[in-house]
PDB file of all heavy atoms in Angstrom:
ATOM      1  N   ARG A   1      10.740  -5.321  -9.467  1.00  0.00           N
ATOM      2  CA  ARG A   1      10.725  -4.857 -10.923  1.00  0.00           C
ATOM      3  C   ARG A   1       9.512  -3.969 -11.276  1.00  0.00           C
ATOM      4  O   ARG A   1       9.249  -3.726 -12.488  1.00  0.00           O
ATOM      5  CB  ARG A   1      10.783  -5.985 -11.922  1.00  0.00           C
ATOM      6  CG  ARG A   1      11.914  -7.024 -11.636  1.00  0.00           C
ATOM      7  CD  ARG A   1      11.943  -8.063 -12.768  1.00  0.00           C
ATOM      8  NE  ARG A   1      12.800  -9.146 -12.388  1.00  0.00           N
ATOM      9  CZ  ARG A   1      13.019 -10.146 -13.212  1.00  0.00           C
ATOM     10  NH1 ARG A   1      12.482 -10.238 -14.423  1.00  0.00           N
ATOM     11  NH2 ARG A   1      13.745 -11.206 -12.791  1.00  0.00           N
ATOM     12  N   ASN A   2       8.799  -3.544 -10.226  1.00  0.00           N
ATOM     13  CA  ASN A   2       7.507  -2.780 -10.477  1.00  0.00           C
ATOM     14  C   ASN A   2       7.626  -1.334 -10.230  1.00  0.00           C
ATOM     15  O   ASN A   2       8.806  -0.842 -10.073  1.00  0.00           O
ATOM     16  CB  ASN A   2       6.386  -3.506  -9.693  1.00  0.00           C
ATOM     17  CG  ASN A   2       6.766  -3.447  -8.107  1.00  0.00           C
ATOM     18  OD1 ASN A   2       6.601  -2.377  -7.596  1.00  0.00           O
ATOM     19  ND2 ASN A   2       7.174  -4.567  -7.592  1.00  0.00           N
ATOM     20  N   PHE A   3       6.541  -0.731 -10.167  1.00  0.00           N
ATOM     21  CA  PHE A   3       6.467   0.766 -10.030  1.00  0.00           C
ATOM     22  C   PHE A   3       6.569   1.106  -8.596  1.00  0.00           C
ATOM     23  O   PHE A   3       6.596   2.335  -8.313  1.00  0.00           O
ATOM     24  CB  PHE A   3       5.103   1.297 -10.656  1.00  0.00           C
ATOM     25  CG  PHE A   3       4.991   1.283 -12.128  1.00  0.00           C
ATOM     26  CD1 PHE A   3       4.322   0.384 -12.735  1.00  0.00           C
ATOM     27  CD2 PHE A   3       5.701   2.304 -12.845  1.00  0.00           C
ATOM     28  CE1 PHE A   3       4.255   0.242 -14.141  1.00  0.00           C
ATOM     29  CE2 PHE A   3       5.570   2.323 -14.233  1.00  0.00           C
ATOM     30  CZ  PHE A   3       4.985   1.307 -14.856  1.00  0.00           C
ATOM     31  N   GLY A   4       6.426   0.227  -7.632  1.00  0.00           N
ATOM     32  CA  GLY A   4       6.368   0.602  -6.275  1.00  0.00           C
ATOM     33  C   GLY A   4       5.110   1.284  -5.832  1.00  0.00           C
ATOM     34  O   GLY A   4       5.024   2.109  -4.964  1.00  0.00           O
ATOM     35  N   HIS A   5       4.021   0.954  -6.589  1.00  0.00           N
ATOM     36  CA  HIS A   5       2.735   1.714  -6.460  1.00  0.00           C
ATOM     37  C   HIS A   5       1.619   0.792  -5.890  1.00  0.00           C
ATOM     38  O   HIS A   5       1.333  -0.159  -6.585  1.00  0.00           O
ATOM     39  CB  HIS A   5       2.375   2.206  -7.849  1.00  0.00           C
ATOM     40  CG  HIS A   5       1.137   2.965  -7.875  1.00  0.00           C
ATOM     41  ND1 HIS A   5       0.251   2.945  -9.040  1.00  0.00           N
ATOM     42  CD2 HIS A   5       0.497   3.800  -7.074  1.00  0.00           C
ATOM     43  CE1 HIS A   5      -0.767   3.531  -8.718  1.00  0.00           C
ATOM     44  NE2 HIS A   5      -0.742   4.191  -7.606  1.00  0.00           N
ATOM     45  N   ALA A   6       1.204   1.030  -4.804  1.00  0.00           N
ATOM     46  CA  ALA A   6       0.035   0.292  -4.222  1.00  0.00           C
ATOM     47  C   ALA A   6      -1.241   1.049  -4.601  1.00  0.00           C
ATOM     48  O   ALA A   6      -1.806   1.998  -4.013  1.00  0.00           O
ATOM     49  CB  ALA A   6       0.121   0.257  -2.710  1.00  0.00           C
ATOM     50  N   CYS A   7      -1.741   0.679  -5.748  1.00  0.00           N
ATOM     51  CA  CYS A   7      -2.949   1.382  -6.371  1.00  0.00           C
ATOM     52  C   CYS A   7      -4.216   0.796  -5.879  1.00  0.00           C
ATOM     53  O   CYS A   7      -4.951   0.207  -6.779  1.00  0.00           O
ATOM     54  CB  CYS A   7      -2.809   1.294  -7.953  1.00  0.00           C
ATOM     55  SG  CYS A   7      -2.549  -0.404  -8.613  1.00  0.00           S
ATOM     56  N   GLY A   8      -4.513   0.869  -4.689  1.00  0.00           N
ATOM     57  CA  GLY A   8      -5.670   0.145  -4.127  1.00  0.00           C
ATOM     58  C   GLY A   8      -6.966   0.786  -4.549  1.00  0.00           C
ATOM     59  O   GLY A   8      -7.945   0.028  -4.755  1.00  0.00           O
ATOM     60  N   THR A   9      -7.027   2.119  -4.711  1.00  0.00           N
ATOM     61  CA  THR A   9      -8.384   2.797  -4.982  1.00  0.00           C
ATOM     62  C   THR A   9      -8.940   2.238  -6.263  1.00  0.00           C
ATOM     63  O   THR A   9     -10.199   2.106  -6.359  1.00  0.00           O
ATOM     64  CB  THR A   9      -8.203   4.256  -5.117  1.00  0.00           C
ATOM     65  OG1 THR A   9      -7.530   4.665  -3.882  1.00  0.00           O
ATOM     66  CG2 THR A   9      -9.533   4.922  -5.235  1.00  0.00           C
ATOM     67  N   ALA A  10      -8.193   1.820  -7.296  1.00  0.00           N
ATOM     68  CA  ALA A  10      -8.643   1.442  -8.573  1.00  0.00           C
ATOM     69  C   ALA A  10      -9.123  -0.053  -8.569  1.00  0.00           C
ATOM     70  O   ALA A  10      -9.504  -0.541  -9.672  1.00  0.00           O
ATOM     71  CB  ALA A  10      -7.562   1.629  -9.603  1.00  0.00           C
ATOM     72  N   GLN A  11      -9.103  -0.726  -7.525  1.00  0.00           N
ATOM     73  CA  GLN A  11      -9.442  -2.156  -7.365  1.00  0.00           C
ATOM     74  C   GLN A  11     -10.931  -2.228  -6.998  1.00  0.00           C
ATOM     75  O   GLN A  11     -11.651  -1.294  -6.730  1.00  0.00           O
ATOM     76  CB  GLN A  11      -8.621  -2.886  -6.361  1.00  0.00           C
ATOM     77  CG  GLN A  11      -7.160  -2.677  -6.535  1.00  0.00           C
ATOM     78  CD  GLN A  11      -6.600  -2.983  -7.888  1.00  0.00           C
ATOM     79  OE1 GLN A  11      -7.053  -3.960  -8.551  1.00  0.00           O
ATOM     80  NE2 GLN A  11      -5.611  -2.169  -8.300  1.00  0.00           N
ATOM     81  N   ASP A  12     -11.496  -3.537  -7.182  1.00  0.00           N
ATOM     82  CA  ASP A  12     -12.818  -3.779  -6.664  1.00  0.00           C
ATOM     83  C   ASP A  12     -12.860  -5.167  -5.991  1.00  0.00           C
ATOM     84  O   ASP A  12     -11.824  -5.850  -6.024  1.00  0.00           O
ATOM     85  CB  ASP A  12     -13.873  -3.637  -7.732  1.00  0.00           C
ATOM     86  CG  ASP A  12     -13.897  -4.771  -8.757  1.00  0.00           C
ATOM     87  OD1 ASP A  12     -12.854  -5.485  -8.731  1.00  0.00           O
ATOM     88  OD2 ASP A  12     -14.773  -4.934  -9.438  1.00  0.00           O
ATOM     89  N   GLY A  13     -13.948  -5.475  -5.429  1.00  0.00           N
ATOM     90  CA  GLY A  13     -14.135  -6.856  -4.831  1.00  0.00           C
ATOM     91  C   GLY A  13     -13.067  -7.122  -3.783  1.00  0.00           C
ATOM     92  O   GLY A  13     -12.728  -6.418  -2.965  1.00  0.00           O
ATOM     93  N   ASP A  14     -12.613  -8.364  -3.834  1.00  0.00           N
ATOM     94  CA  ASP A  14     -11.503  -8.924  -2.961  1.00  0.00           C
ATOM     95  C   ASP A  14     -10.285  -7.988  -2.939  1.00  0.00           C
ATOM     96  O   ASP A  14      -9.685  -7.772  -1.904  1.00  0.00           O
ATOM     97  CB  ASP A  14     -11.167 -10.455  -3.151  1.00  0.00           C
ATOM     98  CG  ASP A  14     -12.329 -11.398  -2.845  1.00  0.00           C
ATOM     99  OD1 ASP A  14     -13.223 -10.983  -2.113  1.00  0.00           O
ATOM    100  OD2 ASP A  14     -12.221 -12.433  -3.370  1.00  0.00           O
ATOM    101  N   ALA A  15      -9.965  -7.678  -4.209  1.00  0.00           N
ATOM    102  CA  ALA A  15      -8.765  -6.842  -4.290  1.00  0.00           C
ATOM    103  C   ALA A  15      -8.843  -5.471  -3.517  1.00  0.00           C
ATOM    104  O   ALA A  15      -7.922  -5.102  -3.000  1.00  0.00           O
ATOM    105  CB  ALA A  15      -8.343  -6.682  -5.830  1.00  0.00           C
ATOM    106  N   LEU A  16      -9.982  -4.945  -3.700  1.00  0.00           N
ATOM    107  CA  LEU A  16     -10.164  -3.634  -2.957  1.00  0.00           C
ATOM    108  C   LEU A  16     -10.060  -3.803  -1.423  1.00  0.00           C
ATOM    109  O   LEU A  16      -9.407  -3.013  -0.728  1.00  0.00           O
ATOM    110  CB  LEU A  16     -11.506  -2.939  -3.397  1.00  0.00           C
ATOM    111  CG  LEU A  16     -11.824  -1.651  -2.744  1.00  0.00           C
ATOM    112  CD1 LEU A  16     -10.770  -0.631  -3.060  1.00  0.00           C
ATOM    113  CD2 LEU A  16     -13.197  -1.237  -3.206  1.00  0.00           C
ATOM    114  N   ARG A  17     -10.642  -4.897  -0.957  1.00  0.00           N
ATOM    115  CA  ARG A  17     -10.660  -5.192   0.457  1.00  0.00           C
ATOM    116  C   ARG A  17      -9.261  -5.434   0.948  1.00  0.00           C
ATOM    117  O   ARG A  17      -8.751  -4.860   1.951  1.00  0.00           O
ATOM    118  CB  ARG A  17     -11.529  -6.324   0.813  1.00  0.00           C
ATOM    119  CG  ARG A  17     -11.686  -6.637   2.317  1.00  0.00           C
ATOM    120  CD  ARG A  17     -12.576  -7.808   2.638  1.00  0.00           C
ATOM    121  NE  ARG A  17     -11.985  -9.108   2.351  1.00  0.00           N
ATOM    122  CZ  ARG A  17     -12.385  -9.772   1.267  1.00  0.00           C
ATOM    123  NH1 ARG A  17     -13.318  -9.345   0.361  1.00  0.00           N
ATOM    124  NH2 ARG A  17     -11.839 -11.020   0.934  1.00  0.00           N
ATOM    125  N   TYR A  18      -8.540  -6.272   0.173  1.00  0.00           N
ATOM    126  CA  TYR A  18      -7.142  -6.543   0.491  1.00  0.00           C
ATOM    127  C   TYR A  18      -6.320  -5.273   0.518  1.00  0.00           C
ATOM    128  O   TYR A  18      -5.463  -5.052   1.472  1.00  0.00           O
ATOM    129  CB  TYR A  18      -6.522  -7.559  -0.398  1.00  0.00           C
ATOM    130  CG  TYR A  18      -7.160  -8.995  -0.459  1.00  0.00           C
ATOM    131  CD1 TYR A  18      -7.122  -9.675  -1.703  1.00  0.00           C
ATOM    132  CD2 TYR A  18      -7.754  -9.495   0.570  1.00  0.00           C
ATOM    133  CE1 TYR A  18      -7.603 -11.005  -1.743  1.00  0.00           C
ATOM    134  CE2 TYR A  18      -8.374 -10.783   0.556  1.00  0.00           C
ATOM    135  CZ  TYR A  18      -8.211 -11.543  -0.656  1.00  0.00           C
ATOM    136  OH  TYR A  18      -8.796 -12.720  -0.724  1.00  0.00           O
ATOM    137  N   ALA A  19      -6.449  -4.425  -0.532  1.00  0.00           N
ATOM    138  CA  ALA A  19      -5.659  -3.254  -0.591  1.00  0.00           C
ATOM    139  C   ALA A  19      -5.931  -2.322   0.541  1.00  0.00           C
ATOM    140  O   ALA A  19      -4.995  -1.676   1.157  1.00  0.00           O
ATOM    141  CB  ALA A  19      -5.947  -2.570  -1.960  1.00  0.00           C
ATOM    142  N   ARG A  20      -7.124  -2.116   0.843  1.00  0.00           N
ATOM    143  CA  ARG A  20      -7.495  -1.236   2.013  1.00  0.00           C
ATOM    144  C   ARG A  20      -6.877  -1.779   3.349  1.00  0.00           C
ATOM    145  O   ARG A  20      -6.312  -0.947   4.122  1.00  0.00           O
ATOM    146  CB  ARG A  20      -8.992  -1.029   2.154  1.00  0.00           C
ATOM    147  CG  ARG A  20      -9.596  -0.224   1.076  1.00  0.00           C
ATOM    148  CD  ARG A  20     -11.175  -0.316   1.191  1.00  0.00           C
ATOM    149  NE  ARG A  20     -11.887   0.680   0.312  1.00  0.00           N
ATOM    150  CZ  ARG A  20     -13.030   0.607  -0.059  1.00  0.00           C
ATOM    151  NH1 ARG A  20     -13.793  -0.395   0.268  1.00  0.00           N
ATOM    152  NH2 ARG A  20     -13.561   1.477  -0.883  1.00  0.00           N
ATOM    153  N   ASN A  21      -6.954  -3.108   3.462  1.00  0.00           N
ATOM    154  CA  ASN A  21      -6.409  -3.659   4.775  1.00  0.00           C
ATOM    155  C   ASN A  21      -4.905  -3.647   4.763  1.00  0.00           C
ATOM    156  O   ASN A  21      -4.268  -3.671   5.781  1.00  0.00           O
ATOM    157  CB  ASN A  21      -6.939  -5.080   5.003  1.00  0.00           C
ATOM    158  CG  ASN A  21      -8.339  -5.117   5.335  1.00  0.00           C
ATOM    159  OD1 ASN A  21      -8.979  -4.166   5.688  1.00  0.00           O
ATOM    160  ND2 ASN A  21      -8.993  -6.190   4.957  1.00  0.00           N
ATOM    161  N   ALA A  22      -4.333  -3.575   3.642  1.00  0.00           N
ATOM    162  CA  ALA A  22      -2.843  -3.575   3.545  1.00  0.00           C
ATOM    163  C   ALA A  22      -2.176  -2.276   3.888  1.00  0.00           C
ATOM    164  O   ALA A  22      -0.906  -2.183   4.176  1.00  0.00           O
ATOM    165  CB  ALA A  22      -2.349  -3.919   2.029  1.00  0.00           C
ATOM    166  N   ARG A  23      -2.878  -1.165   3.822  1.00  0.00           N
ATOM    167  CA  ARG A  23      -2.302   0.163   3.960  1.00  0.00           C
ATOM    168  C   ARG A  23      -1.678   0.317   5.275  1.00  0.00           C
ATOM    169  O   ARG A  23      -0.449   0.885   5.425  1.00  0.00           O
ATOM    170  CB  ARG A  23      -3.333   1.283   3.679  1.00  0.00           C
ATOM    171  CG  ARG A  23      -3.726   1.381   2.194  1.00  0.00           C
ATOM    172  CD  ARG A  23      -5.023   2.180   2.117  1.00  0.00           C
ATOM    173  NE  ARG A  23      -5.297   2.362   0.682  1.00  0.00           N
ATOM    174  CZ  ARG A  23      -6.544   2.520   0.228  1.00  0.00           C
ATOM    175  NH1 ARG A  23      -7.588   2.708   1.059  1.00  0.00           N
ATOM    176  NH2 ARG A  23      -6.803   2.638  -1.054  1.00  0.00           N
ATOM    177  N   ALA A  24      -2.210  -0.066   6.328  1.00  0.00           N
ATOM    178  CA  ALA A  24      -1.705   0.086   7.678  1.00  0.00           C
ATOM    179  C   ALA A  24      -0.417  -0.791   7.886  1.00  0.00           C
ATOM    180  O   ALA A  24       0.510  -0.366   8.542  1.00  0.00           O
ATOM    181  CB  ALA A  24      -2.734  -0.254   8.746  1.00  0.00           C
ATOM    182  N   THR A  25      -0.397  -1.962   7.275  1.00  0.00           N
ATOM    183  CA  THR A  25       0.720  -2.824   7.389  1.00  0.00           C
ATOM    184  C   THR A  25       1.940  -2.176   6.633  1.00  0.00           C
ATOM    185  O   THR A  25       3.189  -2.174   7.174  1.00  0.00           O
ATOM    186  CB  THR A  25       0.516  -4.207   6.897  1.00  0.00           C
ATOM    187  OG1 THR A  25      -0.666  -4.799   7.622  1.00  0.00           O
ATOM    188  CG2 THR A  25       1.688  -5.142   7.033  1.00  0.00           C
ATOM    189  N   TRP A  26       1.767  -1.630   5.475  1.00  0.00           N
ATOM    190  CA  TRP A  26       2.803  -0.935   4.713  1.00  0.00           C
ATOM    191  C   TRP A  26       3.433   0.202   5.621  1.00  0.00           C
ATOM    192  O   TRP A  26       4.597   0.290   5.737  1.00  0.00           O
ATOM    193  CB  TRP A  26       2.337  -0.351   3.403  1.00  0.00           C
ATOM    194  CG  TRP A  26       2.444  -1.292   2.264  1.00  0.00           C
ATOM    195  CD1 TRP A  26       1.352  -1.728   1.458  1.00  0.00           C
ATOM    196  CD2 TRP A  26       3.523  -1.813   1.687  1.00  0.00           C
ATOM    197  NE1 TRP A  26       1.785  -2.610   0.539  1.00  0.00           N
ATOM    198  CE2 TRP A  26       3.202  -2.592   0.580  1.00  0.00           C
ATOM    199  CE3 TRP A  26       4.858  -1.757   1.973  1.00  0.00           C
ATOM    200  CZ2 TRP A  26       4.120  -3.313  -0.194  1.00  0.00           C
ATOM    201  CZ3 TRP A  26       5.817  -2.437   1.253  1.00  0.00           C
ATOM    202  CH2 TRP A  26       5.370  -3.139   0.164  1.00  0.00           C
ATOM    203  N   ALA A  27       2.555   0.919   6.219  1.00  0.00           N
ATOM    204  CA  ALA A  27       3.042   2.101   7.132  1.00  0.00           C
ATOM    205  C   ALA A  27       3.810   1.493   8.307  1.00  0.00           C
ATOM    206  O   ALA A  27       4.936   2.042   8.621  1.00  0.00           O
ATOM    207  CB  ALA A  27       1.878   2.950   7.575  1.00  0.00           C
ATOM    208  N   HIS A  28       3.344   0.461   8.908  1.00  0.00           N
ATOM    209  CA  HIS A  28       3.967  -0.107  10.120  1.00  0.00           C
ATOM    210  C   HIS A  28       5.378  -0.644   9.634  1.00  0.00           C
ATOM    211  O   HIS A  28       6.377  -0.459  10.279  1.00  0.00           O
ATOM    212  CB  HIS A  28       3.096  -1.306  10.610  1.00  0.00           C
ATOM    213  CG  HIS A  28       3.784  -2.077  11.536  1.00  0.00           C
ATOM    214  ND1 HIS A  28       3.996  -1.723  12.890  1.00  0.00           N
ATOM    215  CD2 HIS A  28       4.258  -3.351  11.499  1.00  0.00           C
ATOM    216  CE1 HIS A  28       4.490  -2.750  13.592  1.00  0.00           C
ATOM    217  NE2 HIS A  28       4.886  -3.756  12.750  1.00  0.00           N
ATOM    218  N   LEU A  29       5.397  -1.445   8.591  1.00  0.00           N
ATOM    219  CA  LEU A  29       6.675  -2.031   8.209  1.00  0.00           C
ATOM    220  C   LEU A  29       7.637  -0.978   7.773  1.00  0.00           C
ATOM    221  O   LEU A  29       8.887  -1.209   7.969  1.00  0.00           O
ATOM    222  CB  LEU A  29       6.447  -3.098   6.994  1.00  0.00           C
ATOM    223  CG  LEU A  29       5.772  -4.403   7.483  1.00  0.00           C
ATOM    224  CD1 LEU A  29       5.358  -5.342   6.397  1.00  0.00           C
ATOM    225  CD2 LEU A  29       6.808  -5.122   8.423  1.00  0.00           C
ATOM    226  N   ALA A  30       7.235  -0.018   7.041  1.00  0.00           N
ATOM    227  CA  ALA A  30       8.168   1.118   6.643  1.00  0.00           C
ATOM    228  C   ALA A  30       8.786   1.701   7.845  1.00  0.00           C
ATOM    229  O   ALA A  30      10.054   1.981   7.870  1.00  0.00           O
ATOM    230  CB  ALA A  30       7.375   2.205   5.808  1.00  0.00           C
ATOM    231  N   ASP A  31       8.069   1.924   8.859  1.00  0.00           N
ATOM    232  CA  ASP A  31       8.628   2.373  10.142  1.00  0.00           C
ATOM    233  C   ASP A  31       9.602   1.403  10.893  1.00  0.00           C
ATOM    234  O   ASP A  31      10.719   1.903  11.243  1.00  0.00           O
ATOM    235  CB  ASP A  31       7.503   2.697  11.206  1.00  0.00           C
ATOM    236  CG  ASP A  31       7.973   3.273  12.521  1.00  0.00           C
ATOM    237  OD1 ASP A  31       8.674   4.307  12.508  1.00  0.00           O
ATOM    238  OD2 ASP A  31       7.684   2.644  13.490  1.00  0.00           O
ATOM    239  N   LYS A  32       9.219   0.153  10.878  1.00  0.00           N
ATOM    240  CA  LYS A  32       9.978  -0.881  11.602  1.00  0.00           C
ATOM    241  C   LYS A  32      11.219  -1.262  10.795  1.00  0.00           C
ATOM    242  O   LYS A  32      12.257  -1.486  11.331  1.00  0.00           O
ATOM    243  CB  LYS A  32       9.150  -1.974  11.983  1.00  0.00           C
ATOM    244  CG  LYS A  32       8.028  -1.700  12.962  1.00  0.00           C
ATOM    245  CD  LYS A  32       8.533  -1.166  14.329  1.00  0.00           C
ATOM    246  CE  LYS A  32       7.385  -0.861  15.270  1.00  0.00           C
ATOM    247  NZ  LYS A  32       7.910  -0.338  16.572  1.00  0.00           N
ATOM    248  N   ALA A  33      10.982  -1.423   9.525  1.00  0.00           N
ATOM    249  CA  ALA A  33      12.114  -2.014   8.617  1.00  0.00           C
ATOM    250  C   ALA A  33      13.042  -0.877   8.014  1.00  0.00           C
ATOM    251  O   ALA A  33      14.042  -1.073   7.415  1.00  0.00           O
ATOM    252  CB  ALA A  33      11.506  -2.864   7.459  1.00  0.00           C
ATOM    253  N   GLY A  34      12.528   0.382   7.974  1.00  0.00           N
ATOM    254  CA  GLY A  34      13.353   1.478   7.713  1.00  0.00           C
ATOM    255  C   GLY A  34      13.437   1.739   6.152  1.00  0.00           C
ATOM    256  O   GLY A  34      14.495   2.172   5.668  1.00  0.00           O
ATOM    257  N   PHE A  35      12.302   1.457   5.339  1.00  0.00           N
ATOM    258  CA  PHE A  35      12.380   1.801   4.013  1.00  0.00           C
ATOM    259  C   PHE A  35      11.482   3.044   3.637  1.00  0.00           C
ATOM    260  O   PHE A  35      10.523   3.262   4.420  1.00  0.00           O
ATOM    261  CB  PHE A  35      12.050   0.637   3.099  1.00  0.00           C
ATOM    262  CG  PHE A  35      10.664   0.012   3.372  1.00  0.00           C
ATOM    263  CD1 PHE A  35       9.521   0.560   2.675  1.00  0.00           C
ATOM    264  CD2 PHE A  35      10.515  -1.083   4.293  1.00  0.00           C
ATOM    265  CE1 PHE A  35       8.383  -0.091   3.013  1.00  0.00           C
ATOM    266  CE2 PHE A  35       9.210  -1.630   4.510  1.00  0.00           C
ATOM    267  CZ  PHE A  35       8.154  -1.095   3.960  1.00  0.00           C
ATOM    268  N   TRP A  36      11.751   3.680   2.550  1.00  0.00           N
ATOM    269  CA  TRP A  36      10.985   4.819   2.164  1.00  0.00           C
ATOM    270  C   TRP A  36       9.490   4.436   1.790  1.00  0.00           C
ATOM    271  O   TRP A  36       9.292   3.446   1.084  1.00  0.00           O
ATOM    272  CB  TRP A  36      11.588   5.598   1.010  1.00  0.00           C
ATOM    273  CG  TRP A  36      10.786   6.707   0.538  1.00  0.00           C
ATOM    274  CD1 TRP A  36      10.826   8.014   1.029  1.00  0.00           C
ATOM    275  CD2 TRP A  36       9.851   6.807  -0.474  1.00  0.00           C
ATOM    276  NE1 TRP A  36       9.913   8.725   0.484  1.00  0.00           N
ATOM    277  CE2 TRP A  36       9.224   8.051  -0.476  1.00  0.00           C
ATOM    278  CE3 TRP A  36       9.221   5.782  -1.387  1.00  0.00           C
ATOM    279  CZ2 TRP A  36       8.189   8.386  -1.375  1.00  0.00           C
ATOM    280  CZ3 TRP A  36       8.285   6.075  -2.265  1.00  0.00           C
ATOM    281  CH2 TRP A  36       7.753   7.512  -2.298  1.00  0.00           C
ATOM    282  N   TYR A  37       8.559   5.287   2.277  1.00  0.00           N
ATOM    283  CA  TYR A  37       7.115   4.958   2.035  1.00  0.00           C
ATOM    284  C   TYR A  37       6.448   6.251   1.997  1.00  0.00           C
ATOM    285  O   TYR A  37       6.837   7.221   2.790  1.00  0.00           O
ATOM    286  CB  TYR A  37       6.635   4.110   3.217  1.00  0.00           C
ATOM    287  CG  TYR A  37       5.142   4.301   3.536  1.00  0.00           C
ATOM    288  CD1 TYR A  37       4.269   3.505   3.047  1.00  0.00           C
ATOM    289  CD2 TYR A  37       4.713   5.283   4.436  1.00  0.00           C
ATOM    290  CE1 TYR A  37       2.823   3.523   3.340  1.00  0.00           C
ATOM    291  CE2 TYR A  37       3.344   5.426   4.759  1.00  0.00           C
ATOM    292  CZ  TYR A  37       2.399   4.558   4.190  1.00  0.00           C
ATOM    293  OH  TYR A  37       1.122   4.604   4.509  1.00  0.00           O
ATOM    294  N   GLY A  38       5.522   6.428   1.149  1.00  0.00           N
ATOM    295  CA  GLY A  38       4.667   7.682   1.165  1.00  0.00           C
ATOM    296  C   GLY A  38       3.204   7.449   0.783  1.00  0.00           C
ATOM    297  O   GLY A  38       3.004   6.699  -0.168  1.00  0.00           O
ATOM    298  N   ARG A  39       2.415   8.082   1.442  1.00  0.00           N
ATOM    299  CA  ARG A  39       0.924   8.061   1.119  1.00  0.00           C
ATOM    300  C   ARG A  39       0.785   9.202   0.090  1.00  0.00           C
ATOM    301  O   ARG A  39       0.130  10.216   0.450  1.00  0.00           O
ATOM    302  CB  ARG A  39       0.014   8.213   2.243  1.00  0.00           C
ATOM    303  CG  ARG A  39      -1.476   7.995   2.053  1.00  0.00           C
ATOM    304  CD  ARG A  39      -2.252   7.789   3.315  1.00  0.00           C
ATOM    305  NE  ARG A  39      -3.607   7.807   3.012  1.00  0.00           N
ATOM    306  CZ  ARG A  39      -4.573   7.433   3.920  1.00  0.00           C
ATOM    307  NH1 ARG A  39      -4.257   7.170   5.131  1.00  0.00           N
ATOM    308  NH2 ARG A  39      -5.808   7.399   3.593  1.00  0.00           N
ATOM    309  N   THR A  40       1.268   9.086  -1.014  1.00  0.00           N
ATOM    310  CA  THR A  40       1.396  10.140  -2.078  1.00  0.00           C
ATOM    311  C   THR A  40       0.222  10.257  -2.909  1.00  0.00           C
ATOM    312  O   THR A  40      -0.004  11.274  -3.663  1.00  0.00           O
ATOM    313  CB  THR A  40       2.656   9.810  -2.953  1.00  0.00           C
ATOM    314  OG1 THR A  40       2.352   8.541  -3.699  1.00  0.00           O
ATOM    315  CG2 THR A  40       3.904   9.662  -2.277  1.00  0.00           C
ATOM    316  N   GLY A  41      -0.685   9.171  -3.066  1.00  0.00           N
ATOM    317  CA  GLY A  41      -1.804   9.297  -3.877  1.00  0.00           C
ATOM    318  C   GLY A  41      -1.402   9.002  -5.361  1.00  0.00           C
ATOM    319  O   GLY A  41      -0.236   8.873  -5.759  1.00  0.00           O
ATOM    320  N   THR A  42      -2.365   9.077  -6.190  1.00  0.00           N
ATOM    321  CA  THR A  42      -2.261   8.865  -7.642  1.00  0.00           C
ATOM    322  C   THR A  42      -2.938  10.055  -8.363  1.00  0.00           C
ATOM    323  O   THR A  42      -4.110  10.331  -8.045  1.00  0.00           O
ATOM    324  CB  THR A  42      -2.779   7.543  -8.123  1.00  0.00           C
ATOM    325  OG1 THR A  42      -2.172   6.538  -7.462  1.00  0.00           O
ATOM    326  CG2 THR A  42      -2.709   7.344  -9.622  1.00  0.00           C
TER     327      THR A  42
END
């Protein structure tokens, strides 16, 4: 029910670390699971 937006840059602390580390996994899963993904920025 969300925007589908991984807004990592706007975070800080633990959230920023988690968000940065999550990016590679999103790209990997998009490739393997076959869903649309874009490093589109904000």
